[in-house]
Amino acid sequence: MKIKMIITALLLSLSLTAAAQFTTIAEAYEVRLSDVRLPQSEAGTIAFKKCVECDYEVRRVNAATIWEFNGQRMSLEKFRRALATVDRSENIPVQVLHHLESNQVTKVWILIP
């Protein structure tokens, strides 16, 4: 019985040290469509508000940034045209994935119900 307890305690202590090594490399934000300002070019910046009372946050984008509209990957220009057809007054969420180390947005996507 003691051996089982020792092995269990040992395994639990090993799992705790492994869990302590996790680091956050990216944060995802769900923001309202009306609170997003898209970049003018692929090497520009995107601005968004995390909440209604929050100030706009500005993050860099580049040619590697992924733009998705209803699961379809597209260029920034096509993404802008697709969003132009959406009523911005509706409370439609946009997801923004921000890579913390590079301080750049790696993906922006929206799903229209």
N, C-alpha and C. Protein backbone atom coordinates (compact mmCIF):
# COMPACT_ATOMS: atom_id res chain seq x y z
N MET A 1 0.82 -1.20 0.00
CA MET A 1 0.00 0.00 0.00
C MET A 1 0.87 1.26 0.00
N LYS A 2 1.97 1.22 0.76
CA LYS A 2 2.85 2.37 0.83
C LYS A 2 3.53 2.63 -0.51
N ILE A 3 3.84 1.59 -1.23
CA ILE A 3 4.50 1.74 -2.52
C ILE A 3 3.57 2.45 -3.50
N LYS A 4 2.29 2.09 -3.49
CA LYS A 4 1.31 2.74 -4.37
C LYS A 4 1.20 4.23 -4.04
N MET A 5 1.19 4.55 -2.78
CA MET A 5 1.10 5.95 -2.37
C MET A 5 2.35 6.73 -2.77
N ILE A 6 3.51 6.12 -2.64
CA ILE A 6 4.76 6.79 -3.00
C ILE A 6 4.81 7.01 -4.51
N ILE A 7 4.41 6.01 -5.28
CA ILE A 7 4.41 6.14 -6.74
C ILE A 7 3.41 7.21 -7.17
N THR A 8 2.24 7.22 -6.57
CA THR A 8 1.22 8.22 -6.89
C THR A 8 1.73 9.63 -6.57
N ALA A 9 2.34 9.80 -5.40
CA ALA A 9 2.88 11.10 -5.02
C ALA A 9 4.00 11.53 -5.96
N LEU A 10 4.84 10.59 -6.36
CA LEU A 10 5.92 10.89 -7.28
C LEU A 10 5.39 11.33 -8.64
N LEU A 11 4.40 10.61 -9.17
CA LEU A 11 3.80 10.97 -10.45
C LEU A 11 3.11 12.33 -10.39
N LEU A 12 2.42 12.60 -9.30
CA LEU A 12 1.77 13.90 -9.15
C LEU A 12 2.80 15.03 -9.09
N SER A 13 3.90 14.81 -8.40
CA SER A 13 4.92 15.87 -8.32
C SER A 13 5.57 16.11 -9.68
N LEU A 14 5.74 15.07 -10.48
CA LEU A 14 6.30 15.24 -11.82
C LEU A 14 5.34 16.02 -12.71
N SER A 15 4.06 15.76 -12.60
CA SER A 15 3.09 16.47 -13.44
C SER A 15 3.00 17.94 -13.06
N LEU A 16 3.20 18.27 -11.81
CA LEU A 16 3.16 19.67 -11.39
C LEU A 16 4.33 20.46 -11.95
N THR A 17 5.51 19.86 -12.00
CA THR A 17 6.65 20.58 -12.56
C THR A 17 6.49 20.75 -14.07
N ALA A 18 5.89 19.80 -14.74
CA ALA A 18 5.65 19.94 -16.18
C ALA A 18 4.64 21.04 -16.46
N ALA A 19 3.62 21.15 -15.64
CA ALA A 19 2.59 22.17 -15.84
C ALA A 19 3.16 23.56 -15.59
N ALA A 20 4.14 23.67 -14.74
CA ALA A 20 4.71 24.98 -14.42
C ALA A 20 5.52 25.54 -15.59
N GLN A 21 5.85 24.72 -16.58
CA GLN A 21 6.67 25.17 -17.68
C GLN A 21 5.87 25.78 -18.82
N PHE A 22 4.56 25.74 -18.77
CA PHE A 22 3.74 26.31 -19.84
C PHE A 22 3.85 27.83 -19.83
N THR A 23 3.98 28.41 -21.02
CA THR A 23 4.00 29.85 -21.15
C THR A 23 2.99 30.26 -22.21
N THR A 24 2.42 31.41 -22.03
CA THR A 24 1.46 31.94 -23.00
C THR A 24 2.23 32.58 -24.15
N ILE A 25 1.93 32.11 -25.37
CA ILE A 25 2.63 32.68 -26.52
C ILE A 25 1.71 33.55 -27.38
N ALA A 26 0.40 33.40 -27.20
CA ALA A 26 -0.55 34.19 -27.98
C ALA A 26 -1.81 34.42 -27.16
N GLU A 27 -2.47 35.52 -27.46
CA GLU A 27 -3.76 35.83 -26.84
C GLU A 27 -4.78 36.04 -27.94
N ALA A 28 -5.97 35.53 -27.71
CA ALA A 28 -7.04 35.71 -28.67
C ALA A 28 -8.08 36.65 -28.04
N TYR A 29 -8.55 37.58 -28.84
CA TYR A 29 -9.56 38.53 -28.39
C TYR A 29 -10.80 38.37 -29.24
N GLU A 30 -11.95 38.45 -28.61
CA GLU A 30 -13.21 38.50 -29.34
C GLU A 30 -13.75 39.92 -29.19
N VAL A 31 -13.76 40.64 -30.29
CA VAL A 31 -14.17 42.04 -30.28
C VAL A 31 -15.35 42.25 -31.21
N ARG A 32 -16.07 43.32 -31.00
CA ARG A 32 -17.21 43.62 -31.88
C ARG A 32 -16.72 44.16 -33.22
N LEU A 33 -17.44 43.82 -34.26
CA LEU A 33 -17.08 44.28 -35.60
C LEU A 33 -17.01 45.80 -35.66
N SER A 34 -17.91 46.45 -34.95
CA SER A 34 -17.93 47.92 -34.96
C SER A 34 -16.71 48.51 -34.25
N ASP A 35 -15.97 47.69 -33.49
CA ASP A 35 -14.80 48.17 -32.75
C ASP A 35 -13.48 47.75 -33.40
N VAL A 36 -13.52 47.41 -34.69
CA VAL A 36 -12.32 46.99 -35.41
C VAL A 36 -12.04 47.97 -36.54
N ARG A 37 -10.79 48.40 -36.63
CA ARG A 37 -10.33 49.23 -37.75
C ARG A 37 -9.26 48.43 -38.49
N LEU A 38 -9.60 48.03 -39.70
CA LEU A 38 -8.69 47.19 -40.48
C LEU A 38 -7.54 48.00 -41.07
N PRO A 39 -6.42 47.32 -41.33
CA PRO A 39 -5.29 48.03 -41.94
C PRO A 39 -5.56 48.37 -43.40
N GLN A 40 -4.84 49.35 -43.90
CA GLN A 40 -4.97 49.75 -45.30
C GLN A 40 -4.09 48.90 -46.20
N SER A 41 -3.03 48.31 -45.63
CA SER A 41 -2.14 47.47 -46.42
C SER A 41 -1.72 46.27 -45.58
N GLU A 42 -1.10 45.30 -46.24
CA GLU A 42 -0.67 44.09 -45.55
C GLU A 42 0.39 44.36 -44.50
N ALA A 43 1.16 45.39 -44.65
CA ALA A 43 2.21 45.74 -43.69
C ALA A 43 1.78 46.96 -42.90
N GLY A 44 0.61 46.89 -42.31
CA GLY A 44 0.07 48.03 -41.57
C GLY A 44 -0.25 47.67 -40.14
N THR A 45 -1.26 48.34 -39.61
CA THR A 45 -1.69 48.08 -38.24
C THR A 45 -3.20 47.88 -38.21
N ILE A 46 -3.63 47.10 -37.25
CA ILE A 46 -5.05 46.91 -36.99
C ILE A 46 -5.33 47.50 -35.61
N ALA A 47 -6.48 48.12 -35.47
CA ALA A 47 -6.86 48.70 -34.19
C ALA A 47 -8.18 48.06 -33.75
N PHE A 48 -8.29 47.77 -32.46
CA PHE A 48 -9.51 47.17 -31.94
C PHE A 48 -9.66 47.52 -30.46
N LYS A 49 -10.90 47.45 -30.00
CA LYS A 49 -11.19 47.68 -28.59
C LYS A 49 -11.65 46.36 -27.98
N LYS A 50 -11.08 46.00 -26.84
CA LYS A 50 -11.45 44.76 -26.16
C LYS A 50 -12.82 44.86 -25.49
N CYS A 51 -13.21 46.07 -25.13
CA CYS A 51 -14.51 46.29 -24.51
C CYS A 51 -15.03 47.66 -24.95
N VAL A 52 -16.28 47.93 -24.66
CA VAL A 52 -16.89 49.19 -25.09
C VAL A 52 -16.19 50.38 -24.46
N GLU A 53 -15.81 50.27 -23.18
CA GLU A 53 -15.18 51.39 -22.46
C GLU A 53 -13.68 51.46 -22.70
N CYS A 54 -13.09 50.41 -23.27
CA CYS A 54 -11.63 50.35 -23.46
C CYS A 54 -11.18 51.29 -24.58
N ASP A 55 -9.91 51.67 -24.51
CA ASP A 55 -9.29 52.44 -25.59
C ASP A 55 -8.90 51.48 -26.71
N TYR A 56 -8.72 52.04 -27.90
CA TYR A 56 -8.28 51.22 -29.02
C TYR A 56 -6.85 50.76 -28.77
N GLU A 57 -6.60 49.50 -29.10
CA GLU A 57 -5.25 48.95 -29.07
C GLU A 57 -4.80 48.78 -30.51
N VAL A 58 -3.57 49.12 -30.78
CA VAL A 58 -3.03 49.04 -32.14
C VAL A 58 -1.97 47.95 -32.17
N ARG A 59 -2.11 47.04 -33.14
CA ARG A 59 -1.15 45.95 -33.32
C ARG A 59 -0.73 45.88 -34.78
N ARG A 60 0.49 45.42 -35.01
CA ARG A 60 1.00 45.30 -36.37
C ARG A 60 0.47 44.04 -37.05
N VAL A 61 0.32 44.11 -38.36
CA VAL A 61 0.02 42.95 -39.20
C VAL A 61 1.08 42.92 -40.30
N ASN A 62 1.22 41.77 -40.94
CA ASN A 62 2.16 41.67 -42.06
C ASN A 62 1.57 40.75 -43.11
N ALA A 63 2.35 40.46 -44.13
CA ALA A 63 1.86 39.64 -45.25
C ALA A 63 1.52 38.23 -44.81
N ALA A 64 2.06 37.77 -43.69
CA ALA A 64 1.78 36.43 -43.19
C ALA A 64 0.49 36.36 -42.36
N THR A 65 -0.11 37.49 -42.05
CA THR A 65 -1.35 37.49 -41.28
C THR A 65 -2.45 36.79 -42.07
N ILE A 66 -3.19 35.93 -41.39
CA ILE A 66 -4.26 35.16 -42.02
C ILE A 66 -5.57 35.91 -41.83
N TRP A 67 -6.31 36.05 -42.92
CA TRP A 67 -7.62 36.71 -42.91
C TRP A 67 -8.65 35.68 -43.33
N GLU A 68 -9.64 35.40 -42.46
CA GLU A 68 -10.66 34.40 -42.76
C GLU A 68 -12.05 34.99 -42.60
N PHE A 69 -12.89 34.72 -43.60
CA PHE A 69 -14.28 35.14 -43.57
C PHE A 69 -15.13 33.89 -43.78
N ASN A 70 -15.92 33.52 -42.75
CA ASN A 70 -16.76 32.30 -42.78
C ASN A 70 -15.95 31.06 -43.15
N GLY A 71 -14.76 30.94 -42.56
CA GLY A 71 -13.93 29.77 -42.76
C GLY A 71 -13.13 29.77 -44.05
N GLN A 72 -13.26 30.80 -44.86
CA GLN A 72 -12.53 30.86 -46.13
C GLN A 72 -11.36 31.83 -45.99
N ARG A 73 -10.16 31.33 -46.23
CA ARG A 73 -8.97 32.15 -46.15
C ARG A 73 -8.88 33.03 -47.39
N MET A 74 -8.51 34.30 -47.19
CA MET A 74 -8.45 35.24 -48.31
C MET A 74 -7.44 36.33 -48.04
N SER A 75 -7.20 37.15 -49.05
CA SER A 75 -6.29 38.28 -48.90
C SER A 75 -6.97 39.38 -48.08
N LEU A 76 -6.17 40.32 -47.62
CA LEU A 76 -6.71 41.45 -46.85
C LEU A 76 -7.73 42.22 -47.67
N GLU A 77 -7.44 42.45 -48.94
CA GLU A 77 -8.35 43.22 -49.80
C GLU A 77 -9.70 42.51 -49.94
N LYS A 78 -9.69 41.22 -50.17
CA LYS A 78 -10.95 40.47 -50.26
C LYS A 78 -11.68 40.45 -48.92
N PHE A 79 -10.93 40.36 -47.83
CA PHE A 79 -11.52 40.39 -46.49
C PHE A 79 -12.22 41.73 -46.25
N ARG A 80 -11.57 42.81 -46.65
CA ARG A 80 -12.17 44.14 -46.49
C ARG A 80 -13.46 44.25 -47.30
N ARG A 81 -13.43 43.72 -48.55
CA ARG A 81 -14.64 43.75 -49.39
C ARG A 81 -15.75 42.90 -48.79
N ALA A 82 -15.41 41.75 -48.24
CA ALA A 82 -16.42 40.89 -47.62
C ALA A 82 -17.04 41.57 -46.40
N LEU A 83 -16.23 42.25 -45.61
CA LEU A 83 -16.76 42.94 -44.43
C LEU A 83 -17.60 44.16 -44.81
N ALA A 84 -17.36 44.72 -45.99
CA ALA A 84 -18.15 45.87 -46.43
C ALA A 84 -19.61 45.48 -46.67
N THR A 85 -19.88 44.19 -46.86
CA THR A 85 -21.25 43.73 -47.09
C THR A 85 -21.98 43.43 -45.78
N VAL A 86 -21.27 43.47 -44.67
CA VAL A 86 -21.84 43.13 -43.36
C VAL A 86 -22.31 44.39 -42.66
N ASP A 87 -23.49 44.31 -42.03
CA ASP A 87 -24.03 45.43 -41.26
C ASP A 87 -23.21 45.59 -39.98
N ARG A 88 -22.45 46.65 -39.87
CA ARG A 88 -21.58 46.87 -38.71
C ARG A 88 -22.34 47.24 -37.44
N SER A 89 -23.60 47.58 -37.56
CA SER A 89 -24.36 47.94 -36.37
C SER A 89 -24.75 46.70 -35.56
N GLU A 90 -24.73 45.53 -36.19
CA GLU A 90 -25.04 44.30 -35.47
C GLU A 90 -23.87 43.93 -34.55
N ASN A 91 -24.20 43.18 -33.52
CA ASN A 91 -23.18 42.79 -32.55
C ASN A 91 -22.51 41.50 -33.02
N ILE A 92 -21.72 41.58 -34.09
CA ILE A 92 -21.06 40.43 -34.67
C ILE A 92 -19.62 40.37 -34.15
N PRO A 93 -19.21 39.22 -33.58
CA PRO A 93 -17.85 39.13 -33.04
C PRO A 93 -16.80 38.86 -34.11
N VAL A 94 -15.65 39.45 -33.91
CA VAL A 94 -14.47 39.22 -34.74
C VAL A 94 -13.39 38.70 -33.80
N GLN A 95 -12.71 37.65 -34.21
CA GLN A 95 -11.63 37.10 -33.40
C GLN A 95 -10.29 37.59 -33.93
N VAL A 96 -9.44 38.00 -32.99
CA VAL A 96 -8.12 38.52 -33.32
C VAL A 96 -7.11 37.72 -32.51
N LEU A 97 -6.15 37.09 -33.19
CA LEU A 97 -5.11 36.32 -32.52
C LEU A 97 -3.82 37.12 -32.54
N HIS A 98 -3.33 37.43 -31.35
CA HIS A 98 -2.15 38.29 -31.17
C HIS A 98 -1.01 37.46 -30.63
N HIS A 99 0.08 37.35 -31.39
CA HIS A 99 1.29 36.64 -30.94
C HIS A 99 2.07 37.60 -30.04
N LEU A 100 2.31 37.20 -28.80
CA LEU A 100 2.88 38.12 -27.82
C LEU A 100 4.36 38.40 -28.05
N GLU A 101 5.14 37.40 -28.41
CA GLU A 101 6.58 37.61 -28.57
C GLU A 101 6.90 38.54 -29.73
N SER A 102 6.23 38.34 -30.85
CA SER A 102 6.48 39.20 -32.02
C SER A 102 5.63 40.47 -31.97
N ASN A 103 4.66 40.52 -31.07
CA ASN A 103 3.74 41.64 -30.93
C ASN A 103 3.03 41.95 -32.24
N GLN A 104 2.62 40.89 -32.94
CA GLN A 104 1.90 41.03 -34.20
C GLN A 104 0.63 40.19 -34.18
N VAL A 105 -0.33 40.62 -34.95
CA VAL A 105 -1.55 39.85 -35.14
C VAL A 105 -1.27 38.80 -36.20
N THR A 106 -1.54 37.54 -35.87
CA THR A 106 -1.25 36.46 -36.81
C THR A 106 -2.50 35.98 -37.55
N LYS A 107 -3.68 36.25 -36.98
CA LYS A 107 -4.90 35.79 -37.64
C LYS A 107 -6.08 36.65 -37.20
N VAL A 108 -6.96 36.95 -38.16
CA VAL A 108 -8.21 37.66 -37.90
C VAL A 108 -9.29 36.88 -38.63
N TRP A 109 -10.36 36.53 -37.92
CA TRP A 109 -11.43 35.78 -38.58
C TRP A 109 -12.79 36.15 -38.03
N ILE A 110 -13.79 35.92 -38.87
CA ILE A 110 -15.17 36.25 -38.53
C ILE A 110 -16.08 35.17 -39.11
N LEU A 111 -17.09 34.82 -38.33
CA LEU A 111 -18.12 33.88 -38.79
C LEU A 111 -19.46 34.59 -38.72
N ILE A 112 -20.10 34.72 -39.86
CA ILE A 112 -21.41 35.37 -39.93
C ILE A 112 -22.47 34.28 -39.82
N PRO A 113 -23.37 34.39 -38.84
CA PRO A 113 -24.42 33.35 -38.68
C PRO A 113 -25.44 33.38 -39.80
